[in-house]
């Protein structure tokens, strides 16, 4: 299987060089570009035909969500892990709405970044513990549609948002994979979302990750 083509977008030179060194030496990814400039990031990703990007949420000259929207509009299959020292609830939500597949705070360990990137590259979503706690603490109650969800549906929603697979959710809850799939279908119908990313955004905005 071909390695995922990775671009690192980070304006702090020391951090960017550290990420490039760590991610470039392994066998999991093919490092095809790096930049510390937000305006240059789109060109680098397009020319490199990037599959993955590690992206700082705040770069000189451009708002992170704006850059992310441009990236995913031109590269619909691009998977993005945000790695940022700015973790306000507003910014995290803006990045998720713009298309981020994961968000890890810079205060997290390197292993958290590696784990998050692996999950995102495989098609999942990942949010570092600090980000999840931050959002949970900023939300007073669940979002629209929450009243129609059963306790078990809320449990499934939380586990989906925490990037657990269907098989793992089934084992944890002591039910079959088919039952988990039925709960997922019901969640999408009740919350009027159409994919796992939508369920994750709903759970994040409702403060349910780590809350149940």
N, C-alpha and C. Protein backbone atom coordinates (compact mmCIF):
# COMPACT_ATOMS: atom_id res chain seq x y z
N UNK A 1 0.85 -1.20 0.00
CA UNK A 1 0.00 0.00 0.00
C UNK A 1 0.89 1.26 0.00
N UNK A 2 0.53 2.22 -0.84
CA UNK A 2 1.31 3.45 -0.94
C UNK A 2 1.22 4.24 0.36
N UNK A 3 2.33 4.85 0.72
CA UNK A 3 2.34 5.67 1.93
C UNK A 3 1.57 6.97 1.70
N UNK A 4 0.93 7.47 2.75
CA UNK A 4 0.21 8.73 2.67
C UNK A 4 1.20 9.88 2.50
N UNK A 5 0.86 10.79 1.60
CA UNK A 5 1.72 11.94 1.31
C UNK A 5 1.40 13.06 2.30
N UNK A 6 2.40 13.46 3.08
CA UNK A 6 2.21 14.34 4.24
C UNK A 6 2.90 15.68 4.05
N UNK A 7 2.17 16.76 4.42
CA UNK A 7 2.74 18.11 4.46
C UNK A 7 2.61 18.64 5.88
N UNK A 8 3.68 19.26 6.37
CA UNK A 8 3.68 19.88 7.70
C UNK A 8 3.60 21.40 7.53
N UNK A 9 2.58 22.01 8.14
CA UNK A 9 2.35 23.45 8.02
C UNK A 9 2.42 24.03 9.43
N UNK A 10 3.54 24.68 9.74
CA UNK A 10 3.80 25.17 11.10
C UNK A 10 4.78 26.32 11.04
N UNK A 11 4.43 27.48 11.62
CA UNK A 11 5.28 28.65 11.48
C UNK A 11 6.42 28.70 12.49
N UNK A 12 6.36 27.98 13.57
CA UNK A 12 7.45 27.95 14.54
C UNK A 12 8.51 26.96 14.06
N UNK A 13 9.65 27.50 13.69
CA UNK A 13 10.67 26.70 13.01
C UNK A 13 11.09 25.48 13.81
N UNK A 14 11.34 25.65 15.09
CA UNK A 14 11.82 24.53 15.91
C UNK A 14 10.79 23.41 15.95
N UNK A 15 9.52 23.76 16.10
CA UNK A 15 8.47 22.75 16.15
C UNK A 15 8.32 22.08 14.79
N UNK A 16 8.35 22.87 13.72
CA UNK A 16 8.22 22.30 12.38
C UNK A 16 9.37 21.33 12.09
N UNK A 17 10.60 21.72 12.45
CA UNK A 17 11.73 20.85 12.20
C UNK A 17 11.64 19.57 13.02
N UNK A 18 11.12 19.67 14.24
CA UNK A 18 10.94 18.48 15.07
C UNK A 18 9.93 17.54 14.44
N UNK A 19 8.80 18.08 13.98
CA UNK A 19 7.77 17.25 13.35
C UNK A 19 8.30 16.61 12.07
N UNK A 20 9.02 17.39 11.26
CA UNK A 20 9.57 16.87 10.02
C UNK A 20 10.55 15.73 10.29
N UNK A 21 11.38 15.90 11.30
CA UNK A 21 12.36 14.87 11.62
C UNK A 21 11.68 13.58 12.08
N UNK A 22 10.71 13.73 12.97
CA UNK A 22 10.05 12.55 13.53
C UNK A 22 9.18 11.85 12.50
N UNK A 23 8.37 12.63 11.78
CA UNK A 23 7.43 12.04 10.84
C UNK A 23 8.11 11.58 9.55
N UNK A 24 9.21 12.22 9.20
CA UNK A 24 9.88 11.89 7.95
C UNK A 24 10.75 10.66 8.03
N UNK A 25 11.13 10.24 9.24
CA UNK A 25 12.05 9.11 9.36
C UNK A 25 11.33 7.77 9.43
N UNK A 26 10.02 7.78 9.67
CA UNK A 26 9.28 6.54 9.78
C UNK A 26 8.85 6.00 8.42
N UNK A 27 8.19 4.86 8.46
CA UNK A 27 7.74 4.21 7.23
C UNK A 27 6.26 4.48 6.93
N UNK A 28 5.58 5.15 7.86
CA UNK A 28 4.13 5.31 7.71
C UNK A 28 3.75 6.38 6.72
N UNK A 29 4.56 7.44 6.61
CA UNK A 29 4.20 8.58 5.78
C UNK A 29 5.34 8.96 4.84
N UNK A 30 4.97 9.56 3.73
CA UNK A 30 5.94 10.11 2.80
C UNK A 30 5.88 11.63 2.92
N UNK A 31 6.89 12.22 3.54
CA UNK A 31 6.92 13.66 3.74
C UNK A 31 7.20 14.35 2.41
N UNK A 32 6.23 15.12 1.91
CA UNK A 32 6.35 15.71 0.58
C UNK A 32 6.40 17.23 0.60
N UNK A 33 6.33 17.83 1.78
CA UNK A 33 6.39 19.28 1.83
C UNK A 33 6.31 19.81 3.24
N UNK A 34 6.82 21.01 3.42
CA UNK A 34 6.73 21.71 4.69
C UNK A 34 6.74 23.21 4.43
N UNK A 35 6.06 23.95 5.27
CA UNK A 35 6.06 25.40 5.14
C UNK A 35 5.63 26.03 6.46
N UNK A 36 6.10 27.24 6.68
CA UNK A 36 5.68 28.00 7.84
C UNK A 36 4.80 29.17 7.46
N UNK A 37 4.41 29.23 6.20
CA UNK A 37 3.65 30.35 5.68
C UNK A 37 2.26 29.91 5.26
N UNK A 38 1.25 30.56 5.82
CA UNK A 38 -0.12 30.18 5.51
C UNK A 38 -0.50 30.39 4.06
N UNK A 39 -0.01 31.47 3.45
CA UNK A 39 -0.34 31.74 2.06
C UNK A 39 0.30 30.72 1.13
N UNK A 40 1.45 30.18 1.53
CA UNK A 40 2.16 29.22 0.69
C UNK A 40 1.62 27.80 0.87
N UNK A 41 0.90 27.57 1.96
CA UNK A 41 0.48 26.22 2.31
C UNK A 41 -0.38 25.58 1.22
N UNK A 42 -1.31 26.34 0.65
CA UNK A 42 -2.18 25.79 -0.37
C UNK A 42 -1.38 25.34 -1.58
N UNK A 43 -0.43 26.16 -2.02
CA UNK A 43 0.40 25.80 -3.17
C UNK A 43 1.20 24.53 -2.90
N UNK A 44 1.80 24.47 -1.70
CA UNK A 44 2.61 23.30 -1.35
C UNK A 44 1.77 22.03 -1.37
N UNK A 45 0.59 22.10 -0.76
CA UNK A 45 -0.28 20.91 -0.70
C UNK A 45 -0.76 20.49 -2.08
N UNK A 46 -1.10 21.47 -2.92
CA UNK A 46 -1.58 21.15 -4.26
C UNK A 46 -0.47 20.53 -5.10
N UNK A 47 0.71 21.13 -5.07
CA UNK A 47 1.82 20.62 -5.88
C UNK A 47 2.26 19.24 -5.41
N UNK A 48 2.17 19.00 -4.11
CA UNK A 48 2.60 17.72 -3.55
C UNK A 48 1.50 16.66 -3.62
N UNK A 49 0.29 17.07 -4.01
CA UNK A 49 -0.86 16.16 -4.02
C UNK A 49 -1.01 15.48 -2.65
N UNK A 50 -1.05 16.30 -1.63
CA UNK A 50 -1.03 15.81 -0.24
C UNK A 50 -2.28 15.02 0.10
N UNK A 51 -2.07 13.95 0.87
CA UNK A 51 -3.16 13.17 1.44
C UNK A 51 -3.42 13.58 2.89
N UNK A 52 -2.36 14.06 3.55
CA UNK A 52 -2.41 14.40 4.97
C UNK A 52 -1.72 15.73 5.21
N UNK A 53 -2.18 16.44 6.24
CA UNK A 53 -1.49 17.66 6.64
C UNK A 53 -1.56 17.79 8.15
N UNK A 54 -0.43 18.21 8.73
CA UNK A 54 -0.41 18.66 10.13
C UNK A 54 -0.41 20.17 10.05
N UNK A 55 -1.41 20.81 10.65
CA UNK A 55 -1.66 22.23 10.43
C UNK A 55 -1.77 23.00 11.74
N UNK A 56 -0.98 24.06 11.85
CA UNK A 56 -1.15 24.98 12.98
C UNK A 56 -2.42 25.79 12.74
N UNK A 57 -3.15 26.06 13.81
CA UNK A 57 -4.43 26.77 13.67
C UNK A 57 -4.25 28.26 13.42
N UNK A 58 -3.08 28.80 13.78
CA UNK A 58 -2.85 30.22 13.59
C UNK A 58 -1.51 30.42 12.90
N UNK A 59 -1.58 30.99 11.70
CA UNK A 59 -0.39 31.23 10.90
C UNK A 59 -0.36 32.70 10.50
N UNK A 60 0.81 33.25 10.24
CA UNK A 60 0.90 34.65 9.83
C UNK A 60 0.12 34.91 8.55
N UNK A 61 -0.69 35.94 8.57
CA UNK A 61 -1.33 36.41 7.35
C UNK A 61 -2.65 35.76 6.98
N UNK A 62 -3.07 34.72 7.70
CA UNK A 62 -4.34 34.07 7.35
C UNK A 62 -4.93 33.39 8.57
N UNK A 63 -6.25 33.49 8.69
CA UNK A 63 -6.97 32.85 9.79
C UNK A 63 -7.03 31.34 9.53
N UNK A 64 -6.71 30.54 10.54
CA UNK A 64 -6.64 29.09 10.37
C UNK A 64 -7.85 28.47 9.70
N UNK A 65 -9.07 28.75 10.17
CA UNK A 65 -10.24 28.16 9.52
C UNK A 65 -10.37 28.55 8.05
N UNK A 66 -9.99 29.77 7.70
CA UNK A 66 -10.05 30.19 6.29
C UNK A 66 -9.10 29.36 5.44
N UNK A 67 -7.88 29.16 5.94
CA UNK A 67 -6.91 28.34 5.20
C UNK A 67 -7.42 26.91 5.08
N UNK A 68 -7.96 26.38 6.15
CA UNK A 68 -8.44 25.00 6.13
C UNK A 68 -9.56 24.83 5.12
N UNK A 69 -10.48 25.79 5.06
CA UNK A 69 -11.57 25.70 4.09
C UNK A 69 -11.01 25.70 2.66
N UNK A 70 -10.01 26.52 2.39
CA UNK A 70 -9.41 26.54 1.06
C UNK A 70 -8.74 25.20 0.73
N UNK A 71 -8.06 24.64 1.73
CA UNK A 71 -7.37 23.38 1.50
C UNK A 71 -8.36 22.26 1.15
N UNK A 72 -9.40 22.11 1.96
CA UNK A 72 -10.32 20.98 1.73
C UNK A 72 -11.21 21.21 0.51
N UNK A 73 -11.41 22.47 0.13
CA UNK A 73 -12.21 22.72 -1.08
C UNK A 73 -11.43 22.34 -2.34
N UNK A 74 -10.11 22.51 -2.31
CA UNK A 74 -9.27 22.16 -3.46
C UNK A 74 -8.80 20.71 -3.40
N UNK A 75 -8.71 20.17 -2.19
CA UNK A 75 -8.25 18.79 -2.00
C UNK A 75 -9.26 18.07 -1.12
N UNK A 76 -10.37 17.63 -1.68
CA UNK A 76 -11.46 17.07 -0.87
C UNK A 76 -11.07 15.83 -0.07
N UNK A 77 -10.06 15.10 -0.53
CA UNK A 77 -9.66 13.88 0.19
C UNK A 77 -8.56 14.13 1.21
N UNK A 78 -8.14 15.38 1.35
CA UNK A 78 -7.09 15.71 2.31
C UNK A 78 -7.60 15.50 3.73
N UNK A 79 -6.80 14.82 4.56
CA UNK A 79 -7.10 14.61 5.96
C UNK A 79 -6.19 15.53 6.78
N UNK A 80 -6.76 16.25 7.75
CA UNK A 80 -6.01 17.29 8.45
C UNK A 80 -6.06 17.09 9.96
N UNK A 81 -4.86 17.05 10.56
CA UNK A 81 -4.73 17.07 12.01
C UNK A 81 -4.22 18.44 12.41
N UNK A 82 -5.01 19.17 13.17
CA UNK A 82 -4.60 20.49 13.66
C UNK A 82 -3.72 20.28 14.89
N UNK A 83 -2.59 20.98 14.93
CA UNK A 83 -1.65 20.91 16.04
C UNK A 83 -1.35 22.34 16.45
N UNK A 84 -1.93 22.77 17.56
CA UNK A 84 -1.91 24.20 17.86
C UNK A 84 -1.78 24.48 19.34
N UNK A 85 -1.15 25.61 19.64
CA UNK A 85 -1.06 26.09 21.02
C UNK A 85 -2.22 26.99 21.40
N UNK A 86 -3.11 27.24 20.46
CA UNK A 86 -4.27 28.11 20.71
C UNK A 86 -5.51 27.22 20.73
N UNK A 87 -6.05 26.95 21.93
CA UNK A 87 -7.12 25.97 22.06
C UNK A 87 -8.40 26.56 22.63
N UNK A 88 -8.76 27.78 22.25
CA UNK A 88 -10.01 28.34 22.74
C UNK A 88 -11.17 27.53 22.15
N UNK A 89 -12.27 27.38 22.90
CA UNK A 89 -13.41 26.63 22.37
C UNK A 89 -13.89 27.15 21.02
N UNK A 90 -13.88 28.47 20.86
CA UNK A 90 -14.34 29.06 19.61
C UNK A 90 -13.46 28.63 18.44
N UNK A 91 -12.13 28.70 18.63
CA UNK A 91 -11.22 28.34 17.56
C UNK A 91 -11.31 26.86 17.23
N UNK A 92 -11.39 26.01 18.25
CA UNK A 92 -11.50 24.57 18.00
C UNK A 92 -12.74 24.27 17.18
N UNK A 93 -13.86 24.86 17.57
CA UNK A 93 -15.11 24.61 16.84
C UNK A 93 -15.02 25.13 15.41
N UNK A 94 -14.39 26.29 15.23
CA UNK A 94 -14.24 26.84 13.88
C UNK A 94 -13.41 25.91 13.00
N UNK A 95 -12.35 25.34 13.57
CA UNK A 95 -11.52 24.43 12.79
C UNK A 95 -12.26 23.14 12.45
N UNK A 96 -13.06 22.64 13.39
CA UNK A 96 -13.84 21.44 13.12
C UNK A 96 -14.85 21.72 12.02
N UNK A 97 -15.55 22.84 12.12
CA UNK A 97 -16.54 23.18 11.09
C UNK A 97 -15.88 23.40 9.73
N UNK A 98 -14.62 23.87 9.74
CA UNK A 98 -13.92 24.12 8.48
C UNK A 98 -13.42 22.83 7.84
N UNK A 99 -13.41 21.73 8.59
CA UNK A 99 -13.03 20.46 7.99
C UNK A 99 -11.93 19.70 8.69
N UNK A 100 -11.48 20.14 9.88
CA UNK A 100 -10.43 19.41 10.60
C UNK A 100 -10.92 18.02 10.98
N UNK A 101 -10.04 17.04 10.86
CA UNK A 101 -10.35 15.67 11.26
C UNK A 101 -9.83 15.34 12.65
N UNK A 102 -9.04 16.24 13.20
CA UNK A 102 -8.51 16.04 14.54
C UNK A 102 -7.86 17.31 15.04
N UNK A 103 -7.66 17.39 16.35
CA UNK A 103 -7.07 18.59 16.96
C UNK A 103 -6.29 18.15 18.18
N UNK A 104 -4.98 18.42 18.18
CA UNK A 104 -4.12 18.09 19.31
C UNK A 104 -3.45 19.37 19.79
N UNK A 105 -3.47 19.60 21.09
CA UNK A 105 -2.85 20.78 21.66
C UNK A 105 -1.33 20.60 21.73
N UNK A 106 -0.59 21.69 21.61
CA UNK A 106 0.87 21.62 21.63
C UNK A 106 1.41 21.26 23.01
N UNK A 107 0.60 21.36 24.03
CA UNK A 107 1.03 20.93 25.36
C UNK A 107 0.96 19.41 25.51
N UNK A 108 0.36 18.73 24.55
CA UNK A 108 0.29 17.27 24.58
C UNK A 108 1.65 16.69 24.23
N UNK A 109 1.84 15.41 24.54
CA UNK A 109 3.08 14.74 24.20
C UNK A 109 3.15 14.38 22.73
N UNK A 110 4.36 14.09 22.26
CA UNK A 110 4.55 13.73 20.87
C UNK A 110 3.78 12.46 20.52
N UNK A 111 3.66 11.54 21.47
CA UNK A 111 2.92 10.31 21.21
C UNK A 111 1.46 10.60 20.90
N UNK A 112 0.91 11.66 21.49
CA UNK A 112 -0.47 12.05 21.21
C UNK A 112 -0.59 12.52 19.77
N UNK A 113 0.40 13.25 19.29
CA UNK A 113 0.40 13.70 17.90
C UNK A 113 0.48 12.50 16.96
N UNK A 114 1.38 11.58 17.25
CA UNK A 114 1.55 10.40 16.40
C UNK A 114 0.28 9.56 16.38
N UNK A 115 -0.33 9.38 17.54
CA UNK A 115 -1.57 8.60 17.61
C UNK A 115 -2.69 9.29 16.84
N UNK A 116 -2.80 10.61 17.04
CA UNK A 116 -3.83 11.36 16.34
C UNK A 116 -3.66 11.29 14.83
N UNK A 117 -2.43 11.43 14.36
CA UNK A 117 -2.18 11.40 12.92
C UNK A 117 -2.48 10.02 12.34
N UNK A 118 -2.14 8.98 13.08
CA UNK A 118 -2.43 7.62 12.62
C UNK A 118 -3.93 7.39 12.47
N UNK A 119 -4.70 7.87 13.45
CA UNK A 119 -6.16 7.70 13.41
C UNK A 119 -6.77 8.52 12.28
N UNK A 120 -6.32 9.75 12.14
CA UNK A 120 -6.83 10.62 11.08
C UNK A 120 -6.49 10.04 9.71
N UNK A 121 -5.26 9.54 9.55
CA UNK A 121 -4.85 8.97 8.27
C UNK A 121 -5.68 7.76 7.90
N UNK A 122 -6.15 7.04 8.91
CA UNK A 122 -6.96 5.84 8.66
C UNK A 122 -8.43 6.15 8.44
N UNK A 123 -8.78 7.44 8.47
CA UNK A 123 -10.16 7.83 8.21
C UNK A 123 -10.97 8.16 9.44
N UNK A 124 -10.33 8.13 10.62
CA UNK A 124 -11.04 8.44 11.86
C UNK A 124 -10.89 9.89 12.28
N UNK A 125 -11.39 10.19 13.46
CA UNK A 125 -11.25 11.52 14.04
C UNK A 125 -10.56 11.38 15.39
N UNK A 126 -9.79 12.39 15.76
CA UNK A 126 -9.06 12.33 17.02
C UNK A 126 -8.96 13.72 17.63
N UNK A 127 -9.28 13.81 18.92
CA UNK A 127 -9.15 15.07 19.64
C UNK A 127 -8.41 14.80 20.94
N UNK A 128 -7.33 15.54 21.15
CA UNK A 128 -6.52 15.36 22.34
C UNK A 128 -7.33 15.60 23.60
N UNK A 129 -6.90 15.01 24.72
CA UNK A 129 -7.66 15.12 25.97
C UNK A 129 -7.86 16.54 26.44
N UNK A 130 -6.87 17.39 26.21
CA UNK A 130 -7.01 18.79 26.61
C UNK A 130 -8.08 19.51 25.82
N UNK A 131 -8.19 19.20 24.53
CA UNK A 131 -9.21 19.82 23.68
C UNK A 131 -10.59 19.36 24.10
N UNK A 132 -10.74 18.06 24.34
CA UNK A 132 -12.04 17.53 24.76
C UNK A 132 -12.49 18.13 26.08
N UNK A 133 -11.55 18.24 27.04
CA UNK A 133 -11.88 18.81 28.35
C UNK A 133 -12.23 20.29 28.23
N UNK A 134 -11.52 20.99 27.36
CA UNK A 134 -11.78 22.41 27.16
C UNK A 134 -13.20 22.63 26.64
N UNK A 135 -13.58 21.86 25.63
CA UNK A 135 -14.90 22.02 25.06
C UNK A 135 -15.99 21.61 26.04
N UNK A 136 -15.75 20.53 26.75
CA UNK A 136 -16.75 20.08 27.73
C UNK A 136 -16.98 21.13 28.81
N UNK A 137 -15.89 21.76 29.25
CA UNK A 137 -16.02 22.76 30.30
C UNK A 137 -16.68 24.03 29.84
N UNK A 138 -16.71 24.26 28.51
CA UNK A 138 -17.28 25.50 27.98
C UNK A 138 -18.73 25.38 27.63
N UNK A 139 -19.30 24.16 27.71
CA UNK A 139 -20.67 23.94 27.26
C UNK A 139 -21.54 23.64 28.46
N UNK A 140 -22.63 24.35 28.57
CA UNK A 140 -23.51 24.15 29.71
C UNK A 140 -24.50 23.04 29.52
N UNK A 141 -24.84 22.68 28.31
CA UNK A 141 -25.84 21.65 28.08
C UNK A 141 -25.71 21.08 26.71
N UNK A 142 -26.49 20.07 26.44
CA UNK A 142 -26.41 19.40 25.15
C UNK A 142 -27.07 20.24 24.08
N UNK A 143 -26.74 19.92 22.85
CA UNK A 143 -27.23 20.69 21.72
C UNK A 143 -28.62 20.31 21.29
N UNK A 144 -29.09 20.92 20.19
CA UNK A 144 -30.42 20.63 19.67
C UNK A 144 -30.56 19.16 19.34
N UNK A 145 -31.72 18.60 19.67
CA UNK A 145 -31.97 17.21 19.37
C UNK A 145 -31.58 16.26 20.48
N UNK A 146 -30.89 16.76 21.50
CA UNK A 146 -30.40 15.88 22.56
C UNK A 146 -31.53 15.21 23.31
N UNK A 147 -32.64 15.89 23.46
CA UNK A 147 -33.73 15.33 24.25
C UNK A 147 -34.33 14.08 23.65
N UNK A 148 -34.13 13.85 22.36
CA UNK A 148 -34.72 12.68 21.71
C UNK A 148 -33.81 11.46 21.77
N UNK A 149 -32.59 11.62 22.29
CA UNK A 149 -31.64 10.52 22.33
C UNK A 149 -31.80 9.69 23.60
N UNK A 150 -31.68 8.38 23.44
CA UNK A 150 -31.68 7.50 24.60
C UNK A 150 -30.30 7.52 25.25
N UNK A 151 -30.23 6.97 26.46
CA UNK A 151 -28.94 6.89 27.15
C UNK A 151 -27.94 6.08 26.33
N UNK A 152 -28.38 4.97 25.76
CA UNK A 152 -27.47 4.14 24.98
C UNK A 152 -27.01 4.87 23.72
N UNK A 153 -27.90 5.64 23.08
CA UNK A 153 -27.50 6.40 21.91
C UNK A 153 -26.45 7.44 22.28
N UNK A 154 -26.60 8.05 23.45
CA UNK A 154 -25.59 9.02 23.90
C UNK A 154 -24.25 8.34 24.13
N UNK A 155 -24.28 7.14 24.68
CA UNK A 155 -23.04 6.39 24.90
C UNK A 155 -22.36 6.08 23.57
N UNK A 156 -23.15 5.63 22.59
CA UNK A 156 -22.60 5.32 21.28
C UNK A 156 -22.04 6.59 20.63
N UNK A 157 -22.77 7.69 20.75
CA UNK A 157 -22.31 8.95 20.18
C UNK A 157 -20.97 9.37 20.77
N UNK A 158 -20.84 9.27 22.08
CA UNK A 158 -19.58 9.65 22.73
C UNK A 158 -18.43 8.79 22.22
N UNK A 159 -18.65 7.48 22.13
CA UNK A 159 -17.60 6.58 21.72
C UNK A 159 -17.22 6.77 20.25
N UNK A 160 -18.21 7.07 19.41
CA UNK A 160 -17.92 7.39 18.01
C UNK A 160 -17.04 8.62 17.93
N UNK A 161 -17.40 9.65 18.70
CA UNK A 161 -16.66 10.91 18.67
C UNK A 161 -15.24 10.75 19.22
N UNK A 162 -15.03 9.75 20.06
CA UNK A 162 -13.71 9.48 20.61
C UNK A 162 -12.92 8.52 19.72
N UNK A 163 -13.42 8.29 18.50
CA UNK A 163 -12.71 7.55 17.45
C UNK A 163 -12.65 6.04 17.66
N UNK A 164 -13.55 5.49 18.48
CA UNK A 164 -13.59 4.04 18.64
C UNK A 164 -14.25 3.39 17.42
N UNK A 165 -13.77 2.24 17.02
CA UNK A 165 -14.36 1.50 15.90
C UNK A 165 -15.67 0.86 16.33
N UNK A 166 -16.46 0.44 15.33
CA UNK A 166 -17.73 -0.23 15.62
C UNK A 166 -17.50 -1.48 16.47
N UNK A 167 -16.48 -2.25 16.13
CA UNK A 167 -16.19 -3.48 16.88
C UNK A 167 -15.83 -3.17 18.33
N UNK A 168 -15.04 -2.11 18.52
CA UNK A 168 -14.63 -1.76 19.89
C UNK A 168 -15.81 -1.24 20.70
N UNK A 169 -16.67 -0.45 20.07
CA UNK A 169 -17.87 0.05 20.76
C UNK A 169 -18.75 -1.11 21.17
N UNK A 170 -18.92 -2.07 20.25
CA UNK A 170 -19.76 -3.23 20.56
C UNK A 170 -19.21 -4.01 21.75
N UNK A 171 -17.89 -4.21 21.76
CA UNK A 171 -17.27 -4.96 22.87
C UNK A 171 -17.40 -4.20 24.18
N UNK A 172 -17.23 -2.90 24.12
CA UNK A 172 -17.29 -2.10 25.34
C UNK A 172 -18.69 -2.06 25.93
N UNK A 173 -19.70 -2.02 25.06
CA UNK A 173 -21.08 -1.92 25.53
C UNK A 173 -21.75 -3.30 25.67
N UNK A 174 -21.07 -4.35 25.23
CA UNK A 174 -21.63 -5.68 25.35
C UNK A 174 -22.80 -5.94 24.41
N UNK A 175 -22.72 -5.37 23.21
CA UNK A 175 -23.77 -5.56 22.21
C UNK A 175 -23.11 -6.00 20.91
N UNK A 176 -23.91 -6.31 19.92
CA UNK A 176 -23.37 -6.73 18.62
C UNK A 176 -22.99 -5.51 17.77
N UNK A 177 -22.12 -5.75 16.77
CA UNK A 177 -21.74 -4.68 15.85
C UNK A 177 -22.96 -4.18 15.08
N UNK A 178 -23.90 -5.07 14.77
CA UNK A 178 -25.12 -4.67 14.08
C UNK A 178 -25.94 -3.71 14.92
N UNK A 179 -26.01 -3.97 16.24
CA UNK A 179 -26.74 -3.06 17.13
C UNK A 179 -26.10 -1.68 17.15
N UNK A 180 -24.77 -1.65 17.19
CA UNK A 180 -24.07 -0.36 17.14
C UNK A 180 -24.40 0.37 15.85
N UNK A 181 -24.41 -0.38 14.73
CA UNK A 181 -24.76 0.23 13.45
C UNK A 181 -26.16 0.80 13.44
N UNK A 182 -27.09 0.10 14.08
CA UNK A 182 -28.46 0.60 14.17
C UNK A 182 -28.52 1.89 14.99
N UNK A 183 -27.78 1.91 16.10
CA UNK A 183 -27.74 3.13 16.91
C UNK A 183 -27.15 4.29 16.11
N UNK A 184 -26.11 4.01 15.35
CA UNK A 184 -25.48 5.06 14.54
C UNK A 184 -26.47 5.62 13.52
N UNK A 185 -27.21 4.73 12.87
CA UNK A 185 -28.22 5.18 11.91
C UNK A 185 -29.29 6.03 12.57
N UNK A 186 -29.74 5.62 13.75
CA UNK A 186 -30.75 6.39 14.48
C UNK A 186 -30.22 7.75 14.90
N UNK A 187 -28.94 7.79 15.31
CA UNK A 187 -28.33 9.07 15.70
C UNK A 187 -28.32 10.04 14.52
N UNK A 188 -27.91 9.56 13.36
CA UNK A 188 -27.85 10.43 12.18
C UNK A 188 -29.24 10.95 11.82
N UNK A 189 -30.23 10.06 11.93
CA UNK A 189 -31.60 10.48 11.61
C UNK A 189 -32.11 11.52 12.60
N UNK A 190 -31.93 11.26 13.89
CA UNK A 190 -32.45 12.16 14.92
C UNK A 190 -31.74 13.52 14.92
N UNK A 191 -30.43 13.50 14.64
CA UNK A 191 -29.65 14.73 14.70
C UNK A 191 -29.51 15.41 13.35
N UNK A 192 -30.07 14.77 12.31
CA UNK A 192 -30.03 15.32 10.96
C UNK A 192 -28.60 15.58 10.49
N UNK A 193 -27.74 14.58 10.72
CA UNK A 193 -26.38 14.62 10.17
C UNK A 193 -26.22 13.37 9.31
N UNK A 194 -25.18 13.39 8.46
CA UNK A 194 -25.12 12.36 7.43
C UNK A 194 -23.82 11.57 7.42
N UNK A 195 -22.92 11.84 8.35
CA UNK A 195 -21.68 11.08 8.37
C UNK A 195 -21.07 11.12 9.78
N UNK A 196 -19.97 10.36 9.96
CA UNK A 196 -19.32 10.28 11.25
C UNK A 196 -18.76 11.65 11.68
N UNK A 197 -18.25 12.41 10.71
CA UNK A 197 -17.73 13.73 11.04
C UNK A 197 -18.82 14.62 11.63
N UNK A 198 -20.03 14.51 11.08
CA UNK A 198 -21.15 15.29 11.61
C UNK A 198 -21.51 14.89 13.02
N UNK A 199 -21.49 13.59 13.30
CA UNK A 199 -21.75 13.12 14.66
C UNK A 199 -20.67 13.62 15.62
N UNK A 200 -19.42 13.60 15.16
CA UNK A 200 -18.32 14.07 16.00
C UNK A 200 -18.46 15.55 16.32
N UNK A 201 -18.78 16.34 15.31
CA UNK A 201 -18.96 17.78 15.55
C UNK A 201 -20.09 18.02 16.54
N UNK A 202 -21.18 17.27 16.39
CA UNK A 202 -22.30 17.43 17.31
C UNK A 202 -21.86 17.11 18.74
N UNK A 203 -21.15 16.01 18.91
CA UNK A 203 -20.71 15.61 20.25
C UNK A 203 -19.76 16.64 20.85
N UNK A 204 -18.85 17.17 20.02
CA UNK A 204 -17.91 18.18 20.51
C UNK A 204 -18.66 19.44 20.94
N UNK A 205 -19.56 19.91 20.10
CA UNK A 205 -20.30 21.13 20.40
C UNK A 205 -21.23 20.97 21.59
N UNK A 206 -21.66 19.73 21.85
CA UNK A 206 -22.55 19.47 22.97
C UNK A 206 -21.81 19.19 24.26
N UNK A 207 -20.48 19.07 24.20
CA UNK A 207 -19.69 18.83 25.39
C UNK A 207 -19.81 17.43 25.92
N UNK A 208 -20.14 16.46 25.06
CA UNK A 208 -20.38 15.10 25.54
C UNK A 208 -19.13 14.23 25.56
N UNK A 209 -18.05 14.65 24.91
CA UNK A 209 -16.86 13.82 24.92
C UNK A 209 -16.28 13.82 26.33
N UNK A 210 -16.19 12.64 26.90
CA UNK A 210 -15.70 12.51 28.27
C UNK A 210 -16.71 12.86 29.33
N UNK A 211 -17.97 13.12 28.92
CA UNK A 211 -18.95 13.62 29.88
C UNK A 211 -19.88 12.55 30.40
N UNK A 212 -19.98 11.39 29.72
CA UNK A 212 -20.98 10.41 30.08
C UNK A 212 -20.41 9.36 31.02
